[in-house]
């Protein structure tokens, strides 16, 4: 748990850099077209409703394609920290790219 707190603190400090975003990016190029579309019950008004143990990393990436995201990898887990300036999200995945936990800020 201490490691996750440190990871969150580090990522929040990077939010200033991410707030600038990638204004010249082609958002469609970030979409993984081979990723399975989430089930209907995991969507709310066209937005992804993440579910621990079910949601795939590629699904999160596809639904955060208009945000600036960075990937973090350690020995146990993989993380994805996304920001669009006012909103931030942290996603933690297992080694099989399945969502373990997430938090919106």
Protein backbone atom coordinates (compact mmCIF):
# COMPACT_ATOMS: atom_id res chain seq x y z
CA UNK A 1 0.00 0.00 0.00
CA UNK A 2 2.92 2.33 0.76
CA UNK A 3 4.24 1.78 -2.77
CA UNK A 4 0.88 2.75 -4.27
CA UNK A 5 0.78 5.95 -2.18
CA UNK A 6 4.24 6.86 -3.43
CA UNK A 7 3.17 6.14 -7.01
CA UNK A 8 0.10 8.36 -6.62
CA UNK A 9 2.19 11.19 -5.13
CA UNK A 10 4.69 10.97 -7.97
CA UNK A 11 1.97 10.97 -10.58
CA UNK A 12 0.17 13.93 -9.10
CA UNK A 13 3.39 15.92 -9.22
CA UNK A 14 3.61 15.15 -12.95
CA UNK A 15 0.09 16.48 -13.54
CA UNK A 16 1.41 19.97 -14.26
CA UNK A 17 3.38 18.61 -17.19
CA UNK A 18 0.45 16.56 -18.42
CA UNK A 19 -1.96 19.48 -18.17
CA UNK A 20 -0.41 20.93 -21.30
CA UNK A 21 -1.52 17.88 -23.26
CA UNK A 22 -0.72 17.04 -26.82
CA UNK A 23 -2.71 19.64 -28.74
CA UNK A 24 -1.27 18.58 -32.09
CA UNK A 25 -2.01 14.87 -31.65
CA UNK A 26 -4.17 12.89 -34.00
CA UNK A 27 -6.53 11.35 -31.42
CA UNK A 28 -7.80 8.64 -33.74
CA UNK A 29 -4.26 7.32 -34.14
CA UNK A 30 -4.23 6.47 -30.41
CA UNK A 31 -7.20 4.08 -30.72
CA UNK A 32 -6.46 0.36 -30.67
CA UNK A 33 -8.91 -0.97 -33.24
CA UNK A 34 -8.10 -4.59 -32.27
CA UNK A 35 -9.30 -4.03 -28.69
CA UNK A 36 -12.72 -5.56 -27.90
CA UNK A 37 -15.44 -2.97 -27.29
CA UNK A 38 -16.60 -2.96 -23.64
CA UNK A 39 -19.91 -4.64 -22.80
CA UNK A 40 -23.00 -2.41 -22.71
CA UNK A 41 -23.19 -2.59 -18.91
CA UNK A 42 -19.72 -1.01 -18.71
CA UNK A 43 -20.83 2.11 -20.60
CA UNK A 44 -22.73 5.12 -19.25
CA UNK A 45 -23.81 7.68 -21.86
CA UNK A 46 -20.95 6.61 -24.11
CA UNK A 47 -18.35 6.83 -21.33
CA UNK A 48 -16.47 3.85 -19.97
CA UNK A 49 -17.46 2.70 -16.48
CA UNK A 50 -14.32 0.87 -15.33
CA UNK A 51 -14.82 -2.41 -13.49
CA UNK A 52 -12.02 -4.03 -11.51
CA UNK A 53 -11.16 -7.50 -12.80
CA UNK A 54 -13.04 -6.95 -16.08
CA UNK A 55 -11.93 -3.80 -17.90
CA UNK A 56 -8.90 -4.17 -20.17
CA UNK A 57 -6.02 -1.73 -20.43
CA UNK A 58 -6.65 -1.20 -24.14
CA UNK A 59 -10.29 -0.26 -23.37
CA UNK A 60 -9.16 2.36 -20.86
CA UNK A 61 -6.64 3.70 -23.38
CA UNK A 62 -9.32 3.92 -26.08
CA UNK A 63 -11.69 5.86 -23.80
CA UNK A 64 -8.96 8.22 -22.55
CA UNK A 65 -7.56 8.98 -26.02
CA UNK A 66 -8.32 12.70 -25.65
CA UNK A 67 -6.32 12.91 -22.43
CA UNK A 68 -2.57 13.03 -21.94
CA UNK A 69 -1.52 9.71 -20.42
CA UNK A 70 1.73 8.22 -19.20
CA UNK A 71 2.42 4.58 -18.43
CA UNK A 72 4.21 3.46 -15.27
CA UNK A 73 5.57 -0.06 -14.86
CA UNK A 74 7.03 -1.68 -11.75
CA UNK A 75 7.76 -5.28 -10.74
CA UNK A 76 4.17 -6.04 -9.74
CA UNK A 77 1.78 -3.80 -11.64
CA UNK A 78 1.38 -1.44 -14.54
CA UNK A 79 -0.20 1.97 -14.21
CA UNK A 80 -1.75 4.55 -16.47
CA UNK A 81 -2.04 8.15 -15.27
CA UNK A 82 -4.20 10.42 -17.42
CA UNK A 83 -4.97 14.12 -17.23
CA UNK A 84 -6.73 16.73 -19.29
CA UNK A 85 -5.88 19.61 -16.99
CA UNK A 86 -8.97 19.69 -14.78
CA UNK A 87 -9.58 15.94 -14.52
CA UNK A 88 -7.08 13.26 -13.58
CA UNK A 89 -7.32 9.49 -13.36
CA UNK A 90 -5.03 6.73 -12.15
CA UNK A 91 -5.54 3.16 -13.37
CA UNK A 92 -3.59 0.15 -12.05
CA UNK A 93 -3.46 -3.06 -14.10
CA UNK A 94 -2.09 -6.52 -13.42
CA UNK A 95 0.52 -8.12 -15.70
CA UNK A 96 -2.33 -9.44 -17.90
CA UNK A 97 -3.52 -5.86 -18.57
CA UNK A 98 -6.71 -6.31 -16.54
CA UNK A 99 -7.82 -3.43 -14.32
CA UNK A 100 -7.05 -3.94 -10.61
CA UNK A 101 -8.00 -0.54 -9.27
CA UNK A 102 -8.64 3.04 -10.34
CA UNK A 103 -9.28 6.48 -8.93
CA UNK A 104 -10.52 9.75 -10.41
CA UNK A 105 -9.30 13.09 -9.03
